[in-house]
Amino acid sequence: MTMAHHQHDVIRRYLQDALAAEQSFENQLKQFAEDSQQPELQQLFRQHADETRWQAERLKGRLELLGGAPSGVKGFMANLFGMGPKVAQMGHEPSEKGVQNLIAAIAVEHSELAMYEALAQVAAAAGDLETEQLARDIQQQEARAAEMLWPYVGRTAREAFQQVVMTSG
């Protein structure tokens, strides 16, 4: 196995990971939009789900160009780990679902920032400037998404608190 072949194997694995993560998160975002009681937050979740689908398409295209294919196993695992938000909501009141979804979405965005940093660094080390640029482009989109969601945490948490206190008091 040549060094160049091995480098492309590594990049393909990172691309498979990113693709599986984006596909799983797209489904979560759609569910978060359905769960939300705030129209502007519903719109943000839907908008980012669309953006996430486009990111997945770009990742898949790059992966295929490098001779790879999506990994069914990684997709399954990403969906399995995508159950995290539902587990995190256990023990919370239904009115707290919105703030729990926001926390999960922001956590995923930040993990994606790290994931794309790793992909960009690996691609740069291998001299794959196209994959590096793709990772940087998507990383910027993820940073913007996290910034757009952040302002809703405080208000949503306060509203959930008021609902819980009023219904239990």
N, C-alpha and C. Protein backbone atom coordinates (compact mmCIF):
# COMPACT_ATOMS: atom_id res chain seq x y z
N MET A 1 0.86 -1.18 0.00
CA MET A 1 0.00 0.00 0.00
C MET A 1 0.90 1.24 0.00
N THR A 2 0.66 2.11 -0.95
CA THR A 2 1.47 3.32 -1.02
C THR A 2 1.02 4.32 0.03
N MET A 3 1.92 5.25 0.32
CA MET A 3 1.58 6.27 1.32
C MET A 3 0.38 7.10 0.86
N ALA A 4 0.34 7.45 -0.44
CA ALA A 4 -0.78 8.24 -0.96
C ALA A 4 -2.09 7.47 -0.81
N HIS A 5 -2.04 6.16 -1.06
CA HIS A 5 -3.25 5.35 -0.92
C HIS A 5 -3.71 5.34 0.54
N HIS A 6 -2.77 5.18 1.44
CA HIS A 6 -3.10 5.17 2.86
C HIS A 6 -3.67 6.52 3.30
N GLN A 7 -3.10 7.62 2.81
CA GLN A 7 -3.60 8.96 3.16
C GLN A 7 -5.05 9.12 2.72
N HIS A 8 -5.36 8.65 1.51
CA HIS A 8 -6.73 8.75 1.02
C HIS A 8 -7.68 7.87 1.83
N ASP A 9 -7.19 6.73 2.32
CA ASP A 9 -8.02 5.89 3.18
C ASP A 9 -8.42 6.65 4.45
N VAL A 10 -7.46 7.34 5.02
CA VAL A 10 -7.73 8.11 6.25
C VAL A 10 -8.75 9.21 5.96
N ILE A 11 -8.54 9.94 4.89
CA ILE A 11 -9.46 11.03 4.54
C ILE A 11 -10.86 10.47 4.25
N ARG A 12 -10.92 9.35 3.55
CA ARG A 12 -12.23 8.74 3.28
C ARG A 12 -12.95 8.36 4.57
N ARG A 13 -12.22 7.84 5.56
CA ARG A 13 -12.86 7.49 6.84
C ARG A 13 -13.41 8.74 7.53
N TYR A 14 -12.63 9.82 7.52
CA TYR A 14 -13.10 11.06 8.14
C TYR A 14 -14.34 11.59 7.41
N LEU A 15 -14.32 11.49 6.08
CA LEU A 15 -15.48 11.93 5.30
C LEU A 15 -16.70 11.05 5.60
N GLN A 16 -16.50 9.75 5.73
CA GLN A 16 -17.60 8.85 6.09
C GLN A 16 -18.19 9.23 7.45
N ASP A 17 -17.31 9.53 8.41
CA ASP A 17 -17.78 9.94 9.74
C ASP A 17 -18.62 11.21 9.65
N ALA A 18 -18.11 12.19 8.92
CA ALA A 18 -18.81 13.47 8.80
C ALA A 18 -20.15 13.28 8.09
N LEU A 19 -20.17 12.48 7.04
CA LEU A 19 -21.40 12.23 6.31
C LEU A 19 -22.44 11.55 7.20
N ALA A 20 -22.03 10.54 7.93
CA ALA A 20 -22.96 9.84 8.83
C ALA A 20 -23.50 10.79 9.90
N ALA A 21 -22.63 11.63 10.44
CA ALA A 21 -23.06 12.59 11.47
C ALA A 21 -24.08 13.58 10.90
N GLU A 22 -23.81 14.11 9.72
CA GLU A 22 -24.73 15.09 9.12
C GLU A 22 -26.08 14.46 8.80
N GLN A 23 -26.07 13.25 8.27
CA GLN A 23 -27.33 12.59 7.94
C GLN A 23 -28.17 12.35 9.19
N SER A 24 -27.52 11.95 10.26
CA SER A 24 -28.24 11.73 11.52
C SER A 24 -28.77 13.05 12.09
N PHE A 25 -27.95 14.08 12.05
CA PHE A 25 -28.34 15.36 12.62
C PHE A 25 -29.47 16.01 11.83
N GLU A 26 -29.52 15.78 10.52
CA GLU A 26 -30.62 16.33 9.73
C GLU A 26 -31.96 15.83 10.27
N ASN A 27 -32.03 14.55 10.58
CA ASN A 27 -33.27 13.99 11.13
C ASN A 27 -33.60 14.59 12.49
N GLN A 28 -32.58 14.77 13.32
CA GLN A 28 -32.81 15.38 14.63
C GLN A 28 -33.33 16.80 14.49
N LEU A 29 -32.74 17.56 13.58
CA LEU A 29 -33.17 18.95 13.38
C LEU A 29 -34.63 19.02 12.95
N LYS A 30 -35.03 18.13 12.07
CA LYS A 30 -36.43 18.11 11.64
C LYS A 30 -37.35 17.82 12.83
N GLN A 31 -36.93 16.89 13.68
CA GLN A 31 -37.73 16.57 14.86
C GLN A 31 -37.77 17.76 15.83
N PHE A 32 -36.63 18.42 16.00
CA PHE A 32 -36.57 19.60 16.87
C PHE A 32 -37.53 20.68 16.36
N ALA A 33 -37.60 20.85 15.04
CA ALA A 33 -38.52 21.85 14.46
C ALA A 33 -39.96 21.49 14.78
N GLU A 34 -40.29 20.21 14.66
CA GLU A 34 -41.66 19.78 14.98
C GLU A 34 -41.99 19.97 16.45
N ASP A 35 -41.00 19.75 17.31
CA ASP A 35 -41.21 19.85 18.76
C ASP A 35 -41.31 21.29 19.25
N SER A 36 -40.71 22.21 18.53
CA SER A 36 -40.60 23.59 19.01
C SER A 36 -41.95 24.30 19.04
N GLN A 37 -42.13 25.12 20.08
CA GLN A 37 -43.33 25.93 20.21
C GLN A 37 -43.10 27.36 19.71
N GLN A 38 -41.87 27.67 19.33
CA GLN A 38 -41.50 29.01 18.89
C GLN A 38 -41.33 29.02 17.37
N PRO A 39 -42.18 29.75 16.65
CA PRO A 39 -42.11 29.76 15.19
C PRO A 39 -40.72 30.12 14.64
N GLU A 40 -40.07 31.11 15.24
CA GLU A 40 -38.76 31.51 14.72
C GLU A 40 -37.71 30.41 14.94
N LEU A 41 -37.84 29.67 16.02
CA LEU A 41 -36.93 28.56 16.29
C LEU A 41 -37.24 27.38 15.37
N GLN A 42 -38.52 27.15 15.11
CA GLN A 42 -38.90 26.12 14.13
C GLN A 42 -38.24 26.42 12.79
N GLN A 43 -38.30 27.69 12.39
CA GLN A 43 -37.71 28.10 11.11
C GLN A 43 -36.20 27.89 11.11
N LEU A 44 -35.53 28.24 12.21
CA LEU A 44 -34.08 28.03 12.29
C LEU A 44 -33.73 26.55 12.18
N PHE A 45 -34.46 25.70 12.88
CA PHE A 45 -34.20 24.26 12.82
C PHE A 45 -34.43 23.72 11.41
N ARG A 46 -35.52 24.15 10.77
CA ARG A 46 -35.81 23.69 9.40
C ARG A 46 -34.74 24.18 8.42
N GLN A 47 -34.36 25.44 8.58
CA GLN A 47 -33.34 26.02 7.71
C GLN A 47 -32.02 25.26 7.86
N HIS A 48 -31.65 24.95 9.10
CA HIS A 48 -30.39 24.25 9.30
C HIS A 48 -30.49 22.79 8.84
N ALA A 49 -31.68 22.19 8.92
CA ALA A 49 -31.86 20.84 8.39
C ALA A 49 -31.61 20.84 6.88
N ASP A 50 -32.11 21.86 6.18
CA ASP A 50 -31.86 21.99 4.74
C ASP A 50 -30.37 22.17 4.46
N GLU A 51 -29.74 23.03 5.25
CA GLU A 51 -28.30 23.27 5.10
C GLU A 51 -27.52 21.98 5.37
N THR A 52 -27.95 21.24 6.36
CA THR A 52 -27.30 19.98 6.73
C THR A 52 -27.41 18.97 5.60
N ARG A 53 -28.57 18.92 4.94
CA ARG A 53 -28.75 18.01 3.80
C ARG A 53 -27.77 18.38 2.69
N TRP A 54 -27.62 19.67 2.43
CA TRP A 54 -26.69 20.14 1.40
C TRP A 54 -25.25 19.80 1.79
N GLN A 55 -24.91 19.95 3.06
CA GLN A 55 -23.58 19.59 3.53
C GLN A 55 -23.32 18.10 3.30
N ALA A 56 -24.31 17.27 3.61
CA ALA A 56 -24.17 15.83 3.41
C ALA A 56 -23.96 15.50 1.94
N GLU A 57 -24.67 16.19 1.06
CA GLU A 57 -24.50 15.97 -0.38
C GLU A 57 -23.09 16.34 -0.82
N ARG A 58 -22.58 17.44 -0.31
CA ARG A 58 -21.21 17.86 -0.66
C ARG A 58 -20.19 16.86 -0.14
N LEU A 59 -20.39 16.38 1.09
CA LEU A 59 -19.47 15.39 1.66
C LEU A 59 -19.51 14.09 0.87
N LYS A 60 -20.70 13.66 0.51
CA LYS A 60 -20.85 12.42 -0.26
C LYS A 60 -20.17 12.56 -1.62
N GLY A 61 -20.35 13.69 -2.26
CA GLY A 61 -19.71 13.93 -3.55
C GLY A 61 -18.19 13.87 -3.45
N ARG A 62 -17.64 14.48 -2.43
CA ARG A 62 -16.19 14.47 -2.23
C ARG A 62 -15.71 13.06 -1.92
N LEU A 63 -16.44 12.36 -1.07
CA LEU A 63 -16.10 10.98 -0.72
C LEU A 63 -16.07 10.10 -1.97
N GLU A 64 -17.08 10.22 -2.80
CA GLU A 64 -17.15 9.42 -4.02
C GLU A 64 -16.04 9.79 -4.99
N LEU A 65 -15.70 11.07 -5.06
CA LEU A 65 -14.61 11.52 -5.93
C LEU A 65 -13.28 10.90 -5.50
N LEU A 66 -13.14 10.65 -4.20
CA LEU A 66 -11.92 10.04 -3.67
C LEU A 66 -12.01 8.51 -3.67
N GLY A 67 -13.05 7.97 -4.31
CA GLY A 67 -13.17 6.52 -4.44
C GLY A 67 -13.84 5.83 -3.27
N GLY A 68 -14.49 6.58 -2.41
CA GLY A 68 -15.16 6.00 -1.25
C GLY A 68 -16.66 5.95 -1.43
N ALA A 69 -17.31 5.39 -0.44
CA ALA A 69 -18.77 5.29 -0.42
C ALA A 69 -19.24 5.46 1.02
N PRO A 70 -20.48 5.91 1.19
CA PRO A 70 -21.01 6.03 2.55
C PRO A 70 -20.95 4.68 3.27
N SER A 71 -20.77 4.74 4.57
CA SER A 71 -20.69 3.54 5.40
C SER A 71 -22.03 3.30 6.08
N GLY A 72 -22.65 2.17 5.78
CA GLY A 72 -23.91 1.82 6.43
C GLY A 72 -23.75 1.64 7.92
N VAL A 73 -22.62 1.06 8.33
CA VAL A 73 -22.37 0.83 9.76
C VAL A 73 -22.24 2.17 10.48
N LYS A 74 -21.48 3.10 9.88
CA LYS A 74 -21.31 4.40 10.52
C LYS A 74 -22.63 5.15 10.57
N GLY A 75 -23.45 5.01 9.53
CA GLY A 75 -24.76 5.65 9.54
C GLY A 75 -25.65 5.09 10.64
N PHE A 76 -25.60 3.77 10.81
CA PHE A 76 -26.37 3.14 11.88
C PHE A 76 -25.91 3.64 13.25
N MET A 77 -24.59 3.68 13.44
CA MET A 77 -24.05 4.12 14.73
C MET A 77 -24.40 5.59 14.99
N ALA A 78 -24.33 6.43 13.96
CA ALA A 78 -24.67 7.85 14.13
C ALA A 78 -26.13 7.99 14.54
N ASN A 79 -27.00 7.20 13.94
CA ASN A 79 -28.42 7.25 14.31
C ASN A 79 -28.64 6.73 15.72
N LEU A 80 -27.89 5.71 16.10
CA LEU A 80 -27.99 5.18 17.45
C LEU A 80 -27.56 6.24 18.46
N PHE A 81 -26.43 6.90 18.19
CA PHE A 81 -25.97 7.94 19.10
C PHE A 81 -26.86 9.18 19.02
N GLY A 82 -27.60 9.32 17.93
CA GLY A 82 -28.55 10.40 17.80
C GLY A 82 -29.71 10.29 18.77
N MET A 83 -29.82 9.17 19.44
CA MET A 83 -30.87 8.99 20.45
C MET A 83 -30.53 9.77 21.71
N GLY A 84 -29.32 10.30 21.80
CA GLY A 84 -28.87 11.02 22.99
C GLY A 84 -29.83 12.09 23.47
N PRO A 85 -30.36 12.95 22.59
CA PRO A 85 -31.29 13.97 23.07
C PRO A 85 -32.52 13.39 23.76
N LYS A 86 -33.01 12.27 23.27
CA LYS A 86 -34.18 11.65 23.90
C LYS A 86 -33.84 11.12 25.28
N VAL A 87 -32.65 10.54 25.41
CA VAL A 87 -32.20 10.03 26.71
C VAL A 87 -32.01 11.20 27.68
N ALA A 88 -31.43 12.29 27.19
CA ALA A 88 -31.17 13.46 28.04
C ALA A 88 -32.47 14.07 28.56
N GLN A 89 -33.57 13.88 27.84
CA GLN A 89 -34.84 14.46 28.25
C GLN A 89 -35.57 13.63 29.30
N MET A 90 -35.07 12.44 29.56
CA MET A 90 -35.72 11.60 30.57
C MET A 90 -35.64 12.30 31.92
N GLY A 91 -36.74 12.31 32.64
CA GLY A 91 -36.78 12.96 33.94
C GLY A 91 -37.15 14.42 33.87
N HIS A 92 -37.29 14.95 32.67
CA HIS A 92 -37.70 16.35 32.51
C HIS A 92 -39.18 16.41 32.18
N GLU A 93 -39.78 17.53 32.49
CA GLU A 93 -41.18 17.77 32.16
C GLU A 93 -41.30 17.98 30.65
N PRO A 94 -42.44 17.63 30.05
CA PRO A 94 -42.63 17.84 28.61
C PRO A 94 -42.39 19.30 28.19
N SER A 95 -42.72 20.24 29.05
CA SER A 95 -42.53 21.66 28.71
C SER A 95 -41.05 22.03 28.61
N GLU A 96 -40.18 21.17 29.11
CA GLU A 96 -38.74 21.44 29.05
C GLU A 96 -38.09 20.88 27.78
N LYS A 97 -38.88 20.22 26.95
CA LYS A 97 -38.35 19.58 25.75
C LYS A 97 -37.64 20.57 24.83
N GLY A 98 -38.21 21.76 24.69
CA GLY A 98 -37.62 22.77 23.80
C GLY A 98 -36.22 23.17 24.22
N VAL A 99 -36.03 23.42 25.51
CA VAL A 99 -34.70 23.82 25.97
C VAL A 99 -33.73 22.64 25.89
N GLN A 100 -34.22 21.43 26.14
CA GLN A 100 -33.36 20.25 26.02
C GLN A 100 -32.93 20.05 24.56
N ASN A 101 -33.85 20.29 23.62
CA ASN A 101 -33.50 20.19 22.20
C ASN A 101 -32.46 21.23 21.81
N LEU A 102 -32.61 22.44 22.33
CA LEU A 102 -31.62 23.49 22.05
C LEU A 102 -30.25 23.10 22.58
N ILE A 103 -30.20 22.60 23.79
CA ILE A 103 -28.93 22.17 24.38
C ILE A 103 -28.30 21.10 23.50
N ALA A 104 -29.11 20.12 23.08
CA ALA A 104 -28.59 19.04 22.24
C ALA A 104 -28.09 19.58 20.90
N ALA A 105 -28.86 20.49 20.29
CA ALA A 105 -28.46 21.03 18.99
C ALA A 105 -27.16 21.82 19.09
N ILE A 106 -27.02 22.63 20.11
CA ILE A 106 -25.79 23.41 20.27
C ILE A 106 -24.61 22.49 20.57
N ALA A 107 -24.84 21.46 21.36
CA ALA A 107 -23.77 20.49 21.64
C ALA A 107 -23.32 19.79 20.36
N VAL A 108 -24.27 19.41 19.52
CA VAL A 108 -23.92 18.76 18.26
C VAL A 108 -23.15 19.72 17.37
N GLU A 109 -23.61 20.97 17.29
CA GLU A 109 -22.90 21.96 16.46
C GLU A 109 -21.44 22.08 16.89
N HIS A 110 -21.21 22.12 18.19
CA HIS A 110 -19.84 22.26 18.67
C HIS A 110 -19.02 20.99 18.44
N SER A 111 -19.64 19.83 18.54
CA SER A 111 -18.89 18.61 18.22
C SER A 111 -18.57 18.57 16.73
N GLU A 112 -19.47 19.10 15.90
CA GLU A 112 -19.19 19.17 14.46
C GLU A 112 -18.06 20.15 14.17
N LEU A 113 -17.99 21.24 14.91
CA LEU A 113 -16.86 22.16 14.73
C LEU A 113 -15.54 21.41 14.92
N ALA A 114 -15.46 20.61 15.97
CA ALA A 114 -14.25 19.83 16.23
C ALA A 114 -14.03 18.77 15.14
N MET A 115 -15.11 18.12 14.72
CA MET A 115 -15.01 17.09 13.68
C MET A 115 -14.46 17.69 12.39
N TYR A 116 -14.95 18.87 12.00
CA TYR A 116 -14.48 19.49 10.77
C TYR A 116 -13.07 20.06 10.92
N GLU A 117 -12.70 20.45 12.12
CA GLU A 117 -11.31 20.87 12.36
C GLU A 117 -10.38 19.68 12.13
N ALA A 118 -10.76 18.52 12.66
CA ALA A 118 -9.94 17.32 12.47
C ALA A 118 -9.85 16.96 10.99
N LEU A 119 -10.98 16.99 10.28
CA LEU A 119 -10.97 16.69 8.85
C LEU A 119 -10.09 17.67 8.09
N ALA A 120 -10.21 18.95 8.40
CA ALA A 120 -9.39 19.97 7.72
C ALA A 120 -7.91 19.74 7.98
N GLN A 121 -7.55 19.42 9.20
CA GLN A 121 -6.14 19.20 9.54
C GLN A 121 -5.58 17.95 8.85
N VAL A 122 -6.36 16.88 8.84
CA VAL A 122 -5.93 15.64 8.17
C VAL A 122 -5.77 15.89 6.67
N ALA A 123 -6.75 16.57 6.09
CA ALA A 123 -6.68 16.86 4.65
C ALA A 123 -5.48 17.75 4.33
N ALA A 124 -5.24 18.76 5.17
CA ALA A 124 -4.08 19.64 4.95
C ALA A 124 -2.78 18.85 5.05
N ALA A 125 -2.68 17.98 6.03
CA ALA A 125 -1.47 17.17 6.20
C ALA A 125 -1.23 16.27 5.00
N ALA A 126 -2.31 15.83 4.35
CA ALA A 126 -2.20 14.96 3.17
C ALA A 126 -2.06 15.77 1.88
N GLY A 127 -2.17 17.10 1.99
CA GLY A 127 -2.08 17.94 0.79
C GLY A 127 -3.36 17.96 -0.03
N ASP A 128 -4.47 17.56 0.57
CA ASP A 128 -5.77 17.54 -0.11
C ASP A 128 -6.49 18.86 0.18
N LEU A 129 -6.15 19.86 -0.63
CA LEU A 129 -6.68 21.20 -0.39
C LEU A 129 -8.19 21.30 -0.62
N GLU A 130 -8.72 20.50 -1.54
CA GLU A 130 -10.17 20.56 -1.79
C GLU A 130 -10.97 20.07 -0.59
N THR A 131 -10.52 18.96 0.00
CA THR A 131 -11.22 18.45 1.19
C THR A 131 -11.03 19.40 2.36
N GLU A 132 -9.84 19.97 2.48
CA GLU A 132 -9.60 20.93 3.56
C GLU A 132 -10.55 22.12 3.42
N GLN A 133 -10.70 22.64 2.20
CA GLN A 133 -11.59 23.80 1.99
C GLN A 133 -13.05 23.43 2.25
N LEU A 134 -13.45 22.24 1.84
CA LEU A 134 -14.81 21.77 2.11
C LEU A 134 -15.06 21.74 3.61
N ALA A 135 -14.11 21.18 4.35
CA ALA A 135 -14.25 21.11 5.82
C ALA A 135 -14.35 22.50 6.42
N ARG A 136 -13.53 23.43 5.94
CA ARG A 136 -13.56 24.80 6.47
C ARG A 136 -14.89 25.49 6.15
N ASP A 137 -15.38 25.28 4.94
CA ASP A 137 -16.66 25.89 4.56
C ASP A 137 -17.79 25.40 5.47
N ILE A 138 -17.86 24.09 5.65
CA ILE A 138 -18.92 23.52 6.48
C ILE A 138 -18.73 23.93 7.94
N GLN A 139 -17.49 23.98 8.38
CA GLN A 139 -17.19 24.39 9.76
C GLN A 139 -17.73 25.80 10.02
N GLN A 140 -17.58 26.70 9.07
CA GLN A 140 -18.11 28.06 9.22
C GLN A 140 -19.63 28.05 9.32
N GLN A 141 -20.27 27.21 8.52
CA GLN A 141 -21.73 27.11 8.58
C GLN A 141 -22.19 26.59 9.94
N GLU A 142 -21.45 25.63 10.49
CA GLU A 142 -21.80 25.08 11.81
C GLU A 142 -21.63 26.13 12.90
N ALA A 143 -20.58 26.93 12.80
CA ALA A 143 -20.35 27.99 13.78
C ALA A 143 -21.49 29.00 13.73
N ARG A 144 -21.92 29.37 12.52
CA ARG A 144 -23.05 30.31 12.38
C ARG A 144 -24.33 29.71 12.97
N ALA A 145 -24.56 28.43 12.73
CA ALA A 145 -25.77 27.79 13.26
C ALA A 145 -25.77 27.82 14.78
N ALA A 146 -24.64 27.50 15.40
CA ALA A 146 -24.55 27.52 16.87
C ALA A 146 -24.80 28.93 17.39
N GLU A 147 -24.23 29.93 16.72
CA GLU A 147 -24.42 31.32 17.14
C GLU A 147 -25.88 31.74 17.02
N MET A 148 -26.57 31.26 15.99
CA MET A 148 -27.97 31.64 15.80
C MET A 148 -28.88 30.98 16.83
N LEU A 149 -28.52 29.78 17.27
CA LEU A 149 -29.34 29.06 18.24
C LEU A 149 -29.13 29.57 19.67
N TRP A 150 -27.92 29.99 19.97
CA TRP A 150 -27.55 30.35 21.34
C TRP A 150 -28.52 31.35 22.00
N PRO A 151 -28.91 32.42 21.34
CA PRO A 151 -29.77 33.41 22.01
C PRO A 151 -31.12 32.86 22.48
N TYR A 152 -31.54 31.74 21.95
CA TYR A 152 -32.84 31.17 22.33
C TYR A 152 -32.78 30.38 23.63
N VAL A 153 -31.58 30.02 24.09
CA VAL A 153 -31.46 29.17 25.28
C VAL A 153 -32.07 29.83 26.51
N GLY A 154 -31.67 31.06 26.79
CA GLY A 154 -32.15 31.74 27.99
C GLY A 154 -33.65 31.90 28.03
N ARG A 155 -34.21 32.42 26.95
CA ARG A 155 -35.66 32.64 26.90
C ARG A 155 -36.42 31.32 27.00
N THR A 156 -35.96 30.32 26.27
CA THR A 156 -36.64 29.03 26.27
C THR A 156 -36.56 28.37 27.64
N ALA A 157 -35.42 28.50 28.30
CA ALA A 157 -35.26 27.93 29.65
C ALA A 157 -36.18 28.63 30.64
N ARG A 158 -36.25 29.97 30.56
CA ARG A 158 -37.14 30.72 31.47
C ARG A 158 -38.60 30.35 31.25
N GLU A 159 -39.00 30.24 29.97
CA GLU A 159 -40.39 29.88 29.66
C GLU A 159 -40.70 28.47 30.18
N ALA A 160 -39.77 27.54 30.00
CA ALA A 160 -39.98 26.17 30.49
C ALA A 160 -40.08 26.16 32.01
N PHE A 161 -39.23 26.93 32.66
CA PHE A 161 -39.25 27.02 34.12
C PHE A 161 -40.62 27.52 34.59
N GLN A 162 -41.11 28.58 33.97
CA GLN A 162 -42.40 29.14 34.36
C GLN A 162 -43.52 28.11 34.17
N GLN A 163 -43.49 27.38 33.08
CA GLN A 163 -44.52 26.37 32.83
C GLN A 163 -44.46 25.25 33.86
N VAL A 164 -43.26 24.80 34.18
CA VAL A 164 -43.11 23.72 35.17
C VAL A 164 -43.59 24.18 36.53
N VAL A 165 -43.19 25.38 36.94
CA VAL A 165 -43.57 25.91 38.25
C VAL A 165 -45.08 26.12 38.33
N MET A 166 -45.67 26.65 37.27
CA MET A 166 -47.11 26.92 37.29
C MET A 166 -47.93 25.64 37.29
N THR A 167 -47.47 24.60 36.61
CA THR A 167 -48.26 23.37 36.55
C THR A 167 -48.04 22.48 37.77
N SER A 168 -46.92 22.69 38.48
CA SER A 168 -46.67 21.84 39.66
C SER A 168 -47.06 22.54 40.95
N GLY A 169 -47.33 23.83 40.87
CA GLY A 169 -47.61 24.60 42.08
C GLY A 169 -49.04 24.66 42.37
